[in-house]
Amino acid sequence: MTSIRHCLALDLKDDATLISEYIDYHKPENAWPQITQNMRELGIIDMEIYHVGNRLFMIMETELDFDPNAEPESEEGRRLSDEWENLMWQYQKPLPWAKSGEKWVKMEKIYDLKKAI
């Protein structure tokens, strides 16, 4: 195994306007270049986010030594990361079972076709 797949969930505030704005921020043409660079520098190989209603589902492929708590390498990267997180928190709401301050919650895999008989 050369990478790890992480599956995470998060809710958005249940407001159509806010959800639309959140989706717009995540369009490729609106991605903040420094945030994308930060993710790559921290060991995120690939990431996809899916949406239904006000629920989000993220599939993230990372390097084996990925640390979700690591900070971006540069001062500008840290500053923009904090700015991005504060902006996104205006749209996001924690899942009911999330720990205090936790946004994205790791999901548990319950089925794998490759392992089924």
C-alpha atoms as a PDB file:
ATOM      1  CA  MET A   1       0.000   0.000   0.000  1.00  0.00           C
ATOM      2  CA  THR A   2       1.425   3.362  -1.022  1.00  0.00           C
ATOM      3  CA  SER A   3      -1.471   5.577   0.084  1.00  0.00           C
ATOM      4  CA  ILE A   4      -4.418   5.674   2.460  1.00  0.00           C
ATOM      5  CA  ARG A   5      -8.034   6.492   1.607  1.00  0.00           C
ATOM      6  CA  HIS A   6      -9.948   8.563   4.153  1.00  0.00           C
ATOM      7  CA  CYS A   7     -13.737   8.974   3.978  1.00  0.00           C
ATOM      8  CA  LEU A   8     -15.196  11.840   5.981  1.00  0.00           C
ATOM      9  CA  ALA A   9     -18.571  13.517   6.448  1.00  0.00           C
ATOM     10  CA  LEU A  10     -19.706  17.004   7.402  1.00  0.00           C
ATOM     11  CA  ASP A  11     -22.962  18.939   7.294  1.00  0.00           C
ATOM     12  CA  LEU A  12     -23.596  22.399   5.938  1.00  0.00           C
ATOM     13  CA  LYS A  13     -26.020  24.841   7.465  1.00  0.00           C
ATOM     14  CA  ASP A  14     -29.391  23.952   5.966  1.00  0.00           C
ATOM     15  CA  ASP A  15     -29.786  27.112   3.890  1.00  0.00           C
ATOM     16  CA  ALA A  16     -29.982  26.934   0.080  1.00  0.00           C
ATOM     17  CA  THR A  17     -28.119  30.215  -0.434  1.00  0.00           C
ATOM     18  CA  LEU A  18     -25.262  29.233   1.875  1.00  0.00           C
ATOM     19  CA  ILE A  19     -25.018  25.777   0.301  1.00  0.00           C
ATOM     20  CA  SER A  20     -24.832  27.330  -3.177  1.00  0.00           C
ATOM     21  CA  GLU A  21     -22.085  29.731  -2.033  1.00  0.00           C
ATOM     22  CA  TYR A  22     -20.140  26.867  -0.449  1.00  0.00           C
ATOM     23  CA  ILE A  23     -20.335  24.841  -3.671  1.00  0.00           C
ATOM     24  CA  ASP A  24     -19.161  27.876  -5.663  1.00  0.00           C
ATOM     25  CA  TYR A  25     -16.073  28.213  -3.434  1.00  0.00           C
ATOM     26  CA  HIS A  26     -15.182  24.616  -4.312  1.00  0.00           C
ATOM     27  CA  LYS A  27     -15.392  24.917  -8.088  1.00  0.00           C
ATOM     28  CA  PRO A  28     -11.964  24.402  -9.703  1.00  0.00           C
ATOM     29  CA  GLU A  29     -11.848  27.969 -11.033  1.00  0.00           C
ATOM     30  CA  ASN A  30     -12.495  29.349  -7.522  1.00  0.00           C
ATOM     31  CA  ALA A  31     -10.012  27.185  -5.616  1.00  0.00           C
ATOM     32  CA  TRP A  32      -7.501  29.196  -3.638  1.00  0.00           C
ATOM     33  CA  PRO A  33      -4.091  28.252  -5.127  1.00  0.00           C
ATOM     34  CA  GLN A  34      -2.306  28.417  -1.761  1.00  0.00           C
ATOM     35  CA  ILE A  35      -4.861  26.079  -0.158  1.00  0.00           C
ATOM     36  CA  THR A  36      -4.384  23.585  -2.991  1.00  0.00           C
ATOM     37  CA  GLN A  37      -0.603  23.890  -2.590  1.00  0.00           C
ATOM     38  CA  ASN A  38      -0.891  23.443   1.192  1.00  0.00           C
ATOM     39  CA  MET A  39      -2.857  20.207   0.725  1.00  0.00           C
ATOM     40  CA  ARG A  40      -0.279  18.797  -1.673  1.00  0.00           C
ATOM     41  CA  GLU A  41       2.648  19.799   0.576  1.00  0.00           C
ATOM     42  CA  LEU A  42       0.966  18.120   3.566  1.00  0.00           C
ATOM     43  CA  GLY A  43       0.629  14.806   1.729  1.00  0.00           C
ATOM     44  CA  ILE A  44      -2.847  14.876   0.207  1.00  0.00           C
ATOM     45  CA  ILE A  45      -2.588  13.091  -3.120  1.00  0.00           C
ATOM     46  CA  ASP A  46      -6.200  13.406  -4.225  1.00  0.00           C
ATOM     47  CA  MET A  47      -9.471  14.694  -2.797  1.00  0.00           C
ATOM     48  CA  GLU A  48     -13.087  14.626  -3.913  1.00  0.00           C
ATOM     49  CA  ILE A  49     -16.079  16.152  -2.113  1.00  0.00           C
ATOM     50  CA  TYR A  50     -19.642  15.054  -2.834  1.00  0.00           C
ATOM     51  CA  HIS A  51     -22.850  16.785  -1.782  1.00  0.00           C
ATOM     52  CA  VAL A  52     -26.480  15.811  -1.189  1.00  0.00           C
ATOM     53  CA  GLY A  53     -28.926  18.076   0.638  1.00  0.00           C
ATOM     54  CA  ASN A  54     -26.805  19.682   3.327  1.00  0.00           C
ATOM     55  CA  ARG A  55     -24.491  16.665   3.777  1.00  0.00           C
ATOM     56  CA  LEU A  56     -20.944  16.500   2.420  1.00  0.00           C
ATOM     57  CA  PHE A  57     -18.856  13.383   1.854  1.00  0.00           C
ATOM     58  CA  MET A  58     -15.109  13.602   1.249  1.00  0.00           C
ATOM     59  CA  ILE A  59     -12.826  10.952  -0.180  1.00  0.00           C
ATOM     60  CA  MET A  60      -9.205  11.842   0.426  1.00  0.00           C
ATOM     61  CA  GLU A  61      -6.168   9.848  -0.648  1.00  0.00           C
ATOM     62  CA  THR A  62      -3.026  10.639   1.310  1.00  0.00           C
ATOM     63  CA  GLU A  63       0.547   9.586   1.703  1.00  0.00           C
ATOM     64  CA  LEU A  64       1.117   6.992   4.416  1.00  0.00           C
ATOM     65  CA  ASP A  65       2.661   9.508   6.829  1.00  0.00           C
ATOM     66  CA  PHE A  66      -0.116  12.110   6.392  1.00  0.00           C
ATOM     67  CA  ASP A  67      -0.862  14.028   9.601  1.00  0.00           C
ATOM     68  CA  PRO A  68      -4.255  15.786   9.517  1.00  0.00           C
ATOM     69  CA  ASN A  69      -3.082  18.106  12.298  1.00  0.00           C
ATOM     70  CA  ALA A  70       0.090  19.259  10.549  1.00  0.00           C
ATOM     71  CA  GLU A  71       0.293  22.943   9.686  1.00  0.00           C
ATOM     72  CA  PRO A  72       1.189  24.325   6.254  1.00  0.00           C
ATOM     73  CA  GLU A  73       4.893  24.845   5.659  1.00  0.00           C
ATOM     74  CA  SER A  74       4.974  28.576   4.941  1.00  0.00           C
ATOM     75  CA  GLU A  75       3.759  31.526   6.992  1.00  0.00           C
ATOM     76  CA  GLU A  76       1.540  32.590   4.082  1.00  0.00           C
ATOM     77  CA  GLY A  77       0.213  29.036   3.833  1.00  0.00           C
ATOM     78  CA  ARG A  78      -0.690  29.019   7.539  1.00  0.00           C
ATOM     79  CA  ARG A  79      -2.315  32.460   7.321  1.00  0.00           C
ATOM     80  CA  LEU A  80      -4.423  31.577   4.281  1.00  0.00           C
ATOM     81  CA  SER A  81      -5.305  28.176   5.739  1.00  0.00           C
ATOM     82  CA  ASP A  82      -6.660  29.890   8.863  1.00  0.00           C
ATOM     83  CA  GLU A  83      -8.530  32.399   6.692  1.00  0.00           C
ATOM     84  CA  TRP A  84     -10.017  29.587   4.574  1.00  0.00           C
ATOM     85  CA  GLU A  85     -11.081  27.550   7.610  1.00  0.00           C
ATOM     86  CA  ASN A  86     -12.729  30.579   9.225  1.00  0.00           C
ATOM     87  CA  LEU A  87     -14.562  31.361   5.987  1.00  0.00           C
ATOM     88  CA  MET A  88     -15.742  27.764   5.517  1.00  0.00           C
ATOM     89  CA  TRP A  89     -16.924  27.521   9.139  1.00  0.00           C
ATOM     90  CA  GLN A  90     -19.557  30.136   8.247  1.00  0.00           C
ATOM     91  CA  TYR A  91     -21.177  27.474   6.018  1.00  0.00           C
ATOM     92  CA  GLN A  92     -20.417  24.299   7.940  1.00  0.00           C
ATOM     93  CA  LYS A  93     -22.025  22.793  11.004  1.00  0.00           C
ATOM     94  CA  PRO A  94     -20.687  19.842  12.931  1.00  0.00           C
ATOM     95  CA  LEU A  95     -22.402  16.504  12.795  1.00  0.00           C
ATOM     96  CA  PRO A  96     -24.414  15.820  15.975  1.00  0.00           C
ATOM     97  CA  TRP A  97     -21.885  13.237  17.164  1.00  0.00           C
ATOM     98  CA  ALA A  98     -18.765  15.289  16.340  1.00  0.00           C
ATOM     99  CA  LYS A  99     -16.369  16.148  19.138  1.00  0.00           C
ATOM    100  CA  SER A 100     -16.127  19.782  20.195  1.00  0.00           C
ATOM    101  CA  GLY A 101     -14.372  21.797  17.474  1.00  0.00           C
ATOM    102  CA  GLU A 102     -14.357  18.842  15.062  1.00  0.00           C
ATOM    103  CA  LYS A 103     -15.490  19.498  11.505  1.00  0.00           C
ATOM    104  CA  TRP A 104     -14.986  16.572   9.177  1.00  0.00           C
ATOM    105  CA  VAL A 105     -15.735  13.257  10.905  1.00  0.00           C
ATOM    106  CA  LYS A 106     -14.058  10.049   9.787  1.00  0.00           C
ATOM    107  CA  MET A 107     -16.512   7.471   8.479  1.00  0.00           C
ATOM    108  CA  GLU A 108     -16.228   3.754   9.198  1.00  0.00           C
ATOM    109  CA  LYS A 109     -16.104   1.384   6.237  1.00  0.00           C
ATOM    110  CA  ILE A 110     -18.798  -1.254   6.642  1.00  0.00           C
ATOM    111  CA  TYR A 111     -18.657  -3.011   3.254  1.00  0.00           C
ATOM    112  CA  ASP A 112     -15.988  -3.892   0.722  1.00  0.00           C
ATOM    113  CA  LEU A 113     -16.996  -5.652  -2.509  1.00  0.00           C
ATOM    114  CA  LYS A 114     -13.459  -7.015  -2.952  1.00  0.00           C
ATOM    115  CA  LYS A 115     -13.774  -8.887   0.345  1.00  0.00           C
ATOM    116  CA  ALA A 116     -17.299 -10.182  -0.223  1.00  0.00           C
ATOM    117  CA  ILE A 117     -17.731 -13.854  -1.085  1.00  0.00           C
END
